[in-house]
């Protein structure tokens, strides 16, 4: 029974590869033609979101807050991620990296 499943999987794979090769040979471009434009839009949107939080995050950093404290405070005041979720530590770290911010204090 397992051998039968492996054989069918192989046949499906070969049909797919042959079909893509045929379409490519006919001169049709494969893939998403809008991939670069879509990626650029996502980057711009992420940059804009991060910039909107720059003042808030910077003020927390100046107050000496640690990253986890900043996350807790952002959630307490009701700031949501672009997808509408509560902040997680990783989300804050990515935004801080995008903005070139750090909570490391040296004396």
C-alpha atoms as a PDB file:
ATOM      1  CA  UNK A   1       0.000   0.000   0.000  1.00  0.00           C
ATOM      2  CA  UNK A   2       2.840   2.396   0.846  1.00  0.00           C
ATOM      3  CA  UNK A   3       4.548   1.591  -2.450  1.00  0.00           C
ATOM      4  CA  UNK A   4       1.350   2.502  -4.288  1.00  0.00           C
ATOM      5  CA  UNK A   5       1.259   5.920  -2.564  1.00  0.00           C
ATOM      6  CA  UNK A   6       4.902   6.580  -3.403  1.00  0.00           C
ATOM      7  CA  UNK A   7       4.251   5.651  -7.046  1.00  0.00           C
ATOM      8  CA  UNK A   8       1.270   7.991  -7.297  1.00  0.00           C
ATOM      9  CA  UNK A   9       3.259  10.776  -5.675  1.00  0.00           C
ATOM     10  CA  UNK A  10       6.049  10.294  -8.186  1.00  0.00           C
ATOM     11  CA  UNK A  11       3.589  10.321 -11.109  1.00  0.00           C
ATOM     12  CA  UNK A  12       1.948  13.519  -9.899  1.00  0.00           C
ATOM     13  CA  UNK A  13       5.360  15.126  -9.496  1.00  0.00           C
ATOM     14  CA  UNK A  14       6.396  14.139 -13.025  1.00  0.00           C
ATOM     15  CA  UNK A  15       3.137  15.421 -14.562  1.00  0.00           C
ATOM     16  CA  UNK A  16       3.580  18.735 -12.778  1.00  0.00           C
ATOM     17  CA  UNK A  17       7.202  19.102 -13.855  1.00  0.00           C
ATOM     18  CA  UNK A  18       6.358  18.158 -17.453  1.00  0.00           C
ATOM     19  CA  UNK A  19       3.443  20.592 -17.549  1.00  0.00           C
ATOM     20  CA  UNK A  20       5.567  23.462 -16.227  1.00  0.00           C
ATOM     21  CA  UNK A  21       8.339  22.657 -18.698  1.00  0.00           C
ATOM     22  CA  UNK A  22       5.824  22.656 -21.575  1.00  0.00           C
ATOM     23  CA  UNK A  23       4.341  26.014 -20.561  1.00  0.00           C
ATOM     24  CA  UNK A  24       7.812  27.494 -20.149  1.00  0.00           C
ATOM     25  CA  UNK A  25       8.860  26.169 -23.575  1.00  0.00           C
ATOM     26  CA  UNK A  26       5.816  27.904 -25.072  1.00  0.00           C
ATOM     27  CA  UNK A  27       7.269  31.192 -23.827  1.00  0.00           C
ATOM     28  CA  UNK A  28       4.919  31.856 -20.932  1.00  0.00           C
ATOM     29  CA  UNK A  29       6.578  33.377 -17.859  1.00  0.00           C
ATOM     30  CA  UNK A  30       6.151  31.409 -14.655  1.00  0.00           C
ATOM     31  CA  UNK A  31       5.769  32.823 -11.172  1.00  0.00           C
ATOM     32  CA  UNK A  32       4.159  35.924  -9.723  1.00  0.00           C
ATOM     33  CA  UNK A  33       4.838  38.941 -11.942  1.00  0.00           C
ATOM     34  CA  UNK A  34       3.890  41.287  -9.089  1.00  0.00           C
ATOM     35  CA  UNK A  35       6.186  39.742  -6.495  1.00  0.00           C
ATOM     36  CA  UNK A  36       8.680  42.627  -6.309  1.00  0.00           C
ATOM     37  CA  UNK A  37       5.967  45.293  -6.260  1.00  0.00           C
ATOM     38  CA  UNK A  38       4.022  43.421  -3.565  1.00  0.00           C
ATOM     39  CA  UNK A  39       7.163  42.997  -1.479  1.00  0.00           C
ATOM     40  CA  UNK A  40       7.993  46.692  -1.812  1.00  0.00           C
ATOM     41  CA  UNK A  41       4.457  47.630  -0.655  1.00  0.00           C
ATOM     42  CA  UNK A  42       4.747  45.369   2.394  1.00  0.00           C
ATOM     43  CA  UNK A  43       8.104  46.928   3.308  1.00  0.00           C
ATOM     44  CA  UNK A  44       6.692  50.451   2.937  1.00  0.00           C
ATOM     45  CA  UNK A  45       3.698  49.562   5.095  1.00  0.00           C
ATOM     46  CA  UNK A  46       5.935  48.041   7.793  1.00  0.00           C
ATOM     47  CA  UNK A  47       8.218  51.097   7.732  1.00  0.00           C
ATOM     48  CA  UNK A  48       5.233  53.443   8.093  1.00  0.00           C
ATOM     49  CA  UNK A  49       3.856  51.449  11.031  1.00  0.00           C
ATOM     50  CA  UNK A  50       7.254  51.457  12.745  1.00  0.00           C
ATOM     51  CA  UNK A  51       7.687  55.204  12.187  1.00  0.00           C
ATOM     52  CA  UNK A  52       4.289  55.849  13.800  1.00  0.00           C
ATOM     53  CA  UNK A  53       5.581  54.128  16.941  1.00  0.00           C
ATOM     54  CA  UNK A  54       9.041  55.740  16.969  1.00  0.00           C
ATOM     55  CA  UNK A  55       8.185  58.505  19.457  1.00  0.00           C
ATOM     56  CA  UNK A  56       6.360  56.146  21.819  1.00  0.00           C
ATOM     57  CA  UNK A  57       9.082  53.491  21.825  1.00  0.00           C
ATOM     58  CA  UNK A  58      11.845  56.091  22.100  1.00  0.00           C
ATOM     59  CA  UNK A  59      10.173  57.617  25.147  1.00  0.00           C
ATOM     60  CA  UNK A  60      10.017  54.215  26.845  1.00  0.00           C
ATOM     61  CA  UNK A  61      13.691  53.630  26.057  1.00  0.00           C
ATOM     62  CA  UNK A  62      14.635  57.047  27.494  1.00  0.00           C
ATOM     63  CA  UNK A  63      12.719  56.160  30.661  1.00  0.00           C
ATOM     64  CA  UNK A  64      14.987  53.098  30.987  1.00  0.00           C
ATOM     65  CA  UNK A  65      12.337  50.480  30.214  1.00  0.00           C
ATOM     66  CA  UNK A  66      13.432  47.019  29.188  1.00  0.00           C
ATOM     67  CA  UNK A  67      11.985  45.494  26.037  1.00  0.00           C
ATOM     68  CA  UNK A  68       9.547  43.274  27.930  1.00  0.00           C
ATOM     69  CA  UNK A  69       8.355  46.299  29.902  1.00  0.00           C
ATOM     70  CA  UNK A  70       7.821  48.197  26.655  1.00  0.00           C
ATOM     71  CA  UNK A  71       5.762  45.302  25.264  1.00  0.00           C
ATOM     72  CA  UNK A  72       3.643  45.191  28.424  1.00  0.00           C
ATOM     73  CA  UNK A  73       3.097  48.946  28.296  1.00  0.00           C
ATOM     74  CA  UNK A  74       2.163  48.961  24.600  1.00  0.00           C
ATOM     75  CA  UNK A  75      -0.396  46.234  25.285  1.00  0.00           C
ATOM     76  CA  UNK A  76      -1.675  48.077  28.386  1.00  0.00           C
ATOM     77  CA  UNK A  77      -2.340  51.270  26.425  1.00  0.00           C
ATOM     78  CA  UNK A  78      -4.025  49.308  23.645  1.00  0.00           C
ATOM     79  CA  UNK A  79      -1.530  49.541  20.793  1.00  0.00           C
ATOM     80  CA  UNK A  80      -2.087  46.674  18.347  1.00  0.00           C
ATOM     81  CA  UNK A  81       0.115  45.168  15.653  1.00  0.00           C
ATOM     82  CA  UNK A  82      -0.791  45.863  12.011  1.00  0.00           C
ATOM     83  CA  UNK A  83      -2.832  42.656  12.002  1.00  0.00           C
ATOM     84  CA  UNK A  84      -4.707  43.653  15.148  1.00  0.00           C
ATOM     85  CA  UNK A  85      -2.942  41.451  17.689  1.00  0.00           C
ATOM     86  CA  UNK A  86      -1.291  42.267  20.989  1.00  0.00           C
ATOM     87  CA  UNK A  87       2.411  42.979  20.905  1.00  0.00           C
ATOM     88  CA  UNK A  88       4.908  40.206  21.515  1.00  0.00           C
ATOM     89  CA  UNK A  89       8.578  40.657  22.292  1.00  0.00           C
ATOM     90  CA  UNK A  90       9.601  39.580  18.786  1.00  0.00           C
ATOM     91  CA  UNK A  91       7.285  42.163  17.207  1.00  0.00           C
ATOM     92  CA  UNK A  92       8.865  44.941  19.245  1.00  0.00           C
ATOM     93  CA  UNK A  93      12.383  43.715  18.454  1.00  0.00           C
ATOM     94  CA  UNK A  94      11.676  43.728  14.724  1.00  0.00           C
ATOM     95  CA  UNK A  95      10.259  47.241  14.884  1.00  0.00           C
ATOM     96  CA  UNK A  96      13.228  48.447  16.905  1.00  0.00           C
ATOM     97  CA  UNK A  97      15.627  46.893  14.405  1.00  0.00           C
ATOM     98  CA  UNK A  98      13.746  48.567  11.550  1.00  0.00           C
ATOM     99  CA  UNK A  99      14.037  51.921  13.349  1.00  0.00           C
ATOM    100  CA  UNK A 100      17.644  51.404  14.426  1.00  0.00           C
ATOM    101  CA  UNK A 101      16.742  51.604  18.128  1.00  0.00           C
ATOM    102  CA  UNK A 102      18.253  49.740  21.054  1.00  0.00           C
ATOM    103  CA  UNK A 103      17.498  49.392  24.743  1.00  0.00           C
ATOM    104  CA  UNK A 104      21.131  48.659  25.617  1.00  0.00           C
ATOM    105  CA  UNK A 105      22.323  51.416  27.912  1.00  0.00           C
ATOM    106  CA  UNK A 106      26.013  52.054  28.366  1.00  0.00           C
ATOM    107  CA  UNK A 107      27.486  54.419  30.909  1.00  0.00           C
END
